[in-house]
Amino acid sequence: MMDDVSDIAALYNSDPENENGRLERHQLERDLTWRHLDQYLPPHGSILEIGAATGGYTLPLARRGYTITAVDMSTELLAVCRAKLAAEGLETQVRLVEADARDLAQVTQTDFDAVLLMGPLYHLVLEPDRVQSLRQAYARLRPGGVLFSAFISRYGVLGDVMHDFPDWIEDQADVRSLLANGSRRVDAPRVGFRAYFATTAEIPALHEAVGFETLTLAGVEPAISADDESYNRLQGTQRHLWQDLLFEMSTEPTLIAASRHLLYVGRKVER
């Protein structure tokens, strides 16, 4: 039985503007993700974006000429995305679909050149649900098509937790559950940001079991922990040079797990 994620949809529906500004608050995550997209995306073609939210990647990709099917389970996030596409006259390049990542029956195309799965996996606490969402993506990629999927690091997230919720450490049952299982204890209330926090070791194996060939695994916030502001205020040459260095470090094995967000890139292999 699939997990009930209606609480996650409700969370995003309640405050779409918070999600709309997320990548502006986390600029290094955004910038390094784009560096990896630029490296592995085909120069043109069709993209299935699962977890498109308000269009943080959808709109720039549409501006580059890709045709996109953008999926999200939040009505309100898609409404914001729709308005932004209309404001730029990009509606004809993007089809919006309200759906769960685990059931993409509404998406019948099976020859996408790339899939972006940039949020759903870290809201699927049960492993069978994560596997199911990856199977849905795999089935809609052409042979050789590329998948990008995002995770939150089990250990890299602790800097954010210390910064925002320092009293969490006093709930030792929750602390031990996170470290052992990647999620809060089973009796924790379903409120707020409910998620699964992955280890770097499990991510390639999860994808490879579905049929993907691993191309890379990266930490897209290497070396900054919860300190977004130091990067966000950089400008000009300093910003470019720091971004170059941090991109170079993003696949350093000793640093990946310390990043809050992890990016997997794989290729569909026909079995």
Protein backbone atom coordinates (compact mmCIF):
# COMPACT_ATOMS: atom_id res chain seq x y z
CA MET A 1 0.00 0.00 0.00
CA MET A 2 1.33 3.43 -0.95
CA ASP A 3 1.93 5.97 1.78
CA ASP A 4 -0.68 8.73 2.12
CA VAL A 5 1.15 11.93 1.17
CA SER A 6 -1.87 14.23 1.31
CA ASP A 7 -0.16 16.06 4.18
CA ILE A 8 2.73 16.92 1.84
CA ALA A 9 0.37 18.27 -0.82
CA ALA A 10 -1.41 20.29 1.85
CA LEU A 11 1.90 21.71 3.08
CA TYR A 12 2.78 23.06 -0.36
CA ASN A 13 -0.77 24.19 -1.11
CA SER A 14 -0.83 26.22 2.10
CA ASP A 15 2.11 28.48 1.15
CA PRO A 16 3.10 28.31 -2.53
CA GLU A 17 5.12 31.52 -2.30
CA ASN A 18 7.50 29.93 0.18
CA GLU A 19 8.38 27.26 -2.40
CA ASN A 20 8.43 29.88 -5.16
CA GLY A 21 11.33 31.62 -3.42
CA ARG A 22 13.22 28.52 -2.30
CA LEU A 23 15.90 28.48 -4.98
CA GLU A 24 16.57 32.17 -4.47
CA ARG A 25 17.30 31.41 -0.82
CA HIS A 26 19.44 28.40 -1.76
CA GLN A 27 21.41 29.82 -4.66
CA LEU A 28 24.37 27.44 -4.53
CA GLU A 29 22.03 24.45 -4.81
CA ARG A 30 20.42 26.08 -7.84
CA ASP A 31 23.68 27.14 -9.50
CA LEU A 32 25.48 23.83 -9.11
CA THR A 33 22.39 21.91 -10.21
CA TRP A 34 22.44 23.97 -13.40
CA ARG A 35 26.11 23.15 -13.91
CA HIS A 36 25.25 19.44 -13.84
CA LEU A 37 22.19 19.95 -16.04
CA ASP A 38 24.35 21.78 -18.56
CA GLN A 39 26.85 18.93 -18.51
CA TYR A 40 24.41 16.04 -19.02
CA LEU A 41 21.24 17.34 -20.69
CA PRO A 42 20.97 16.87 -24.45
CA PRO A 43 21.12 20.22 -26.27
CA HIS A 44 17.46 19.99 -27.26
CA GLY A 45 14.50 17.65 -26.93
CA SER A 46 11.71 16.74 -24.53
CA ILE A 47 11.84 16.74 -20.75
CA LEU A 48 9.56 15.18 -18.15
CA GLU A 49 9.85 17.21 -14.96
CA ILE A 50 8.32 15.46 -11.94
CA GLY A 51 7.99 17.77 -8.96
CA ALA A 52 8.09 20.94 -11.06
CA ALA A 53 6.66 23.13 -8.28
CA THR A 54 6.41 26.77 -9.36
CA GLY A 55 8.75 26.38 -12.33
CA GLY A 56 12.19 27.18 -10.97
CA TYR A 57 13.73 24.90 -13.59
CA THR A 58 10.71 24.67 -15.92
CA LEU A 59 10.80 28.25 -17.16
CA PRO A 60 14.55 28.46 -17.87
CA LEU A 61 14.40 25.12 -19.70
CA ALA A 62 11.43 26.30 -21.75
CA ARG A 63 13.32 29.49 -22.61
CA ARG A 64 16.10 27.27 -23.97
CA GLY A 65 13.61 25.62 -26.32
CA TYR A 66 12.90 22.30 -24.62
CA THR A 67 9.36 20.93 -24.69
CA ILE A 68 8.35 20.01 -21.16
CA THR A 69 5.72 17.99 -19.37
CA ALA A 70 5.73 19.43 -15.85
CA VAL A 71 4.13 17.34 -13.11
CA ASP A 72 3.34 18.23 -9.52
CA MET A 73 0.81 17.03 -6.95
CA SER A 74 0.19 20.54 -5.59
CA THR A 75 -2.64 22.45 -7.25
CA GLU A 76 -1.38 25.75 -5.89
CA LEU A 77 2.23 25.29 -7.01
CA LEU A 78 1.05 24.47 -10.51
CA ALA A 79 -1.18 27.56 -10.50
CA VAL A 80 1.85 29.76 -9.79
CA CYS A 81 3.82 27.97 -12.50
CA ARG A 82 0.96 28.42 -14.99
CA ALA A 83 0.79 32.16 -14.33
CA LYS A 84 4.56 32.56 -14.78
CA LEU A 85 4.49 30.62 -18.06
CA ALA A 86 1.62 32.78 -19.32
CA ALA A 87 3.47 35.97 -18.40
CA GLU A 88 6.36 34.91 -20.64
CA GLY A 89 4.28 33.39 -23.43
CA LEU A 90 5.70 29.91 -22.84
CA GLU A 91 2.43 28.01 -22.40
CA THR A 92 2.71 26.15 -25.71
CA GLN A 93 6.05 24.61 -24.72
CA VAL A 94 4.92 23.27 -21.35
CA ARG A 95 2.13 20.86 -20.47
CA LEU A 96 1.16 20.97 -16.79
CA VAL A 97 -0.11 17.79 -15.12
CA GLU A 98 -1.36 17.41 -11.56
CA ALA A 99 -0.28 13.93 -10.48
CA ASP A 100 1.57 11.86 -7.92
CA ALA A 101 5.12 10.80 -8.89
CA ARG A 102 4.14 7.19 -8.20
CA ASP A 103 1.28 7.20 -10.72
CA LEU A 104 1.94 8.95 -14.02
CA ALA A 105 -0.89 7.35 -15.99
CA GLN A 106 -1.73 10.78 -17.40
CA VAL A 107 1.70 10.94 -19.03
CA THR A 108 1.59 8.51 -21.96
CA GLN A 109 4.75 9.61 -23.77
CA THR A 110 7.56 7.05 -23.42
CA ASP A 111 10.42 8.66 -25.33
CA PHE A 112 11.43 11.66 -23.23
CA ASP A 113 15.06 12.65 -23.66
CA ALA A 114 15.44 13.49 -19.97
CA VAL A 115 13.58 13.27 -16.68
CA LEU A 116 14.00 15.66 -13.75
CA LEU A 117 12.83 14.09 -10.50
CA MET A 118 13.86 16.96 -8.29
CA GLY A 119 11.75 16.72 -5.15
CA PRO A 120 9.33 13.81 -4.88
CA LEU A 121 11.90 11.23 -3.78
CA TYR A 122 12.68 12.99 -0.54
CA HIS A 123 9.00 13.16 0.38
CA LEU A 124 8.50 9.41 -0.15
CA VAL A 125 9.38 7.93 3.22
CA LEU A 126 8.77 4.30 2.18
CA GLU A 127 11.35 2.65 -0.06
CA PRO A 128 8.75 0.86 -2.26
CA ASP A 129 7.28 4.27 -3.06
CA ARG A 130 10.68 5.61 -4.09
CA VAL A 131 11.22 2.56 -6.28
CA GLN A 132 7.79 3.00 -7.84
CA SER A 133 8.45 6.64 -8.73
CA LEU A 134 11.76 5.67 -10.34
CA ARG A 135 10.04 2.93 -12.33
CA GLN A 136 7.50 5.48 -13.56
CA ALA A 137 10.33 7.71 -14.72
CA TYR A 138 12.27 4.84 -16.29
CA ALA A 139 9.23 3.74 -18.31
CA ARG A 140 8.89 7.20 -19.86
CA LEU A 141 12.53 7.70 -20.88
CA ARG A 142 13.89 6.74 -24.26
CA PRO A 143 16.82 4.28 -24.24
CA GLY A 144 19.89 6.32 -23.36
CA GLY A 145 17.75 9.07 -21.83
CA VAL A 146 19.11 10.84 -18.76
CA LEU A 147 17.56 11.04 -15.28
CA PHE A 148 18.32 13.71 -12.68
CA SER A 149 17.00 13.00 -9.19
CA ALA A 150 17.35 14.97 -5.96
CA PHE A 151 17.68 13.76 -2.37
CA ILE A 152 18.27 15.34 1.02
CA SER A 153 21.36 14.04 2.80
CA ARG A 154 20.81 12.31 6.14
CA TYR A 155 23.90 13.96 7.60
CA GLY A 156 24.20 17.11 5.52
CA VAL A 157 20.80 18.34 6.70
CA LEU A 158 21.93 18.53 10.34
CA GLY A 159 23.44 22.00 9.88
CA ASP A 160 20.05 23.32 8.81
CA VAL A 161 18.32 21.55 11.70
CA MET A 162 20.78 23.01 14.22
CA HIS A 163 20.28 26.46 12.70
CA ASP A 164 16.47 26.39 12.54
CA PHE A 165 15.39 23.88 15.19
CA PRO A 166 18.13 23.61 17.84
CA ASP A 167 15.73 22.09 20.37
CA TRP A 168 15.21 19.03 18.13
CA ILE A 169 18.32 17.46 19.63
CA GLU A 170 16.45 17.03 22.93
CA ASP A 171 14.07 14.52 21.30
CA GLN A 172 16.58 11.70 21.28
CA ALA A 173 14.06 9.14 20.01
CA ASP A 174 13.62 11.28 16.89
CA VAL A 175 17.37 11.82 16.54
CA ARG A 176 18.06 8.08 16.69
CA SER A 177 15.25 7.34 14.23
CA LEU A 178 16.64 9.82 11.72
CA LEU A 179 20.15 8.39 11.95
CA ALA A 180 19.02 4.77 11.77
CA ASN A 181 16.07 4.98 9.38
CA GLY A 182 16.33 8.27 7.52
CA SER A 183 12.99 9.54 8.83
CA ARG A 184 11.24 10.64 11.99
CA ARG A 185 9.93 8.06 14.45
CA VAL A 186 6.77 6.32 13.26
CA ASP A 187 4.57 7.92 15.93
CA ALA A 188 5.67 11.48 15.12
CA PRO A 189 2.81 13.78 14.07
CA ARG A 190 2.41 14.29 10.33
CA VAL A 191 2.96 18.01 10.36
CA GLY A 192 5.45 20.25 8.63
CA PHE A 193 8.17 19.01 6.31
CA ARG A 194 7.88 15.21 6.43
CA ALA A 195 10.70 13.62 4.46
CA TYR A 196 13.14 10.78 3.90
CA PHE A 197 16.84 11.60 4.33
CA ALA A 198 19.15 9.40 2.28
CA THR A 199 22.71 8.17 2.62
CA THR A 200 25.06 8.49 -0.32
CA ALA A 201 25.68 4.74 -0.37
CA GLU A 202 22.06 3.84 -1.05
CA ILE A 203 21.32 6.25 -3.89
CA PRO A 204 23.21 4.64 -6.80
CA ALA A 205 22.04 1.16 -5.77
CA LEU A 206 18.41 2.31 -5.66
CA HIS A 207 18.59 3.60 -9.23
CA GLU A 208 20.66 0.74 -10.60
CA ALA A 209 18.13 -1.80 -9.32
CA VAL A 210 15.53 -0.10 -11.53
CA GLY A 211 17.81 -0.15 -14.56
CA PHE A 212 19.78 3.10 -14.57
CA GLU A 213 23.49 3.37 -15.20
CA THR A 214 25.05 5.78 -12.72
CA LEU A 215 26.84 8.74 -14.29
CA THR A 216 27.52 10.79 -11.17
CA LEU A 217 26.41 11.59 -7.65
CA ALA A 218 27.04 15.12 -6.43
CA GLY A 219 26.51 17.28 -3.40
CA VAL A 220 25.15 20.58 -4.69
CA GLU A 221 25.95 22.58 -1.54
CA PRO A 222 29.48 21.38 -0.74
CA ALA A 223 31.29 23.02 2.16
CA ILE A 224 28.60 25.54 3.21
CA SER A 225 26.33 23.54 5.56
CA ALA A 226 23.48 25.95 6.48
CA ASP A 227 25.40 29.09 5.47
CA ASP A 228 23.62 30.08 2.26
CA GLU A 229 24.10 33.77 2.85
CA SER A 230 27.88 33.77 2.42
CA TYR A 231 27.46 32.41 -1.11
CA ASN A 232 24.32 34.42 -1.92
CA ARG A 233 26.07 37.75 -1.34
CA LEU A 234 29.00 36.97 -3.64
CA GLN A 235 29.11 38.97 -6.87
CA GLY A 236 31.11 39.25 -10.07
CA THR A 237 34.44 37.50 -10.41
CA GLN A 238 34.43 36.21 -6.82
CA ARG A 239 31.07 34.52 -7.32
CA HIS A 240 32.20 32.87 -10.58
CA LEU A 241 35.44 31.63 -9.07
CA TRP A 242 33.76 30.26 -5.93
CA GLN A 243 31.13 28.56 -8.08
CA ASP A 244 33.85 26.99 -10.25
CA LEU A 245 35.64 25.68 -7.16
CA LEU A 246 32.50 24.36 -5.49
CA PHE A 247 31.36 22.69 -8.71
CA GLU A 248 34.75 20.98 -8.91
CA MET A 249 34.28 19.83 -5.30
CA SER A 250 30.67 18.71 -5.77
CA THR A 251 31.64 15.15 -6.73
CA GLU A 252 34.47 14.78 -4.19
CA PRO A 253 33.52 11.57 -2.33
CA THR A 254 34.65 12.85 1.06
CA LEU A 255 32.31 15.87 0.82
CA ILE A 256 29.14 14.62 -0.87
CA ALA A 257 27.32 13.46 2.25
CA ALA A 258 27.96 16.80 3.98
CA SER A 259 25.84 18.63 1.40
CA ARG A 260 22.18 19.14 2.25
CA HIS A 261 20.92 18.31 -1.24
CA LEU A 262 22.30 15.48 -3.35
CA LEU A 263 21.93 15.15 -7.11
CA TYR A 264 22.03 11.79 -8.88
CA VAL A 265 22.52 11.58 -12.65
CA GLY A 266 21.91 8.31 -14.47
CA ARG A 267 21.20 6.94 -17.92
CA LYS A 268 18.45 4.52 -18.91
CA VAL A 269 19.81 1.15 -19.88
CA GLU A 270 17.46 -1.28 -21.61
CA ARG A 271 17.31 -4.58 -19.72
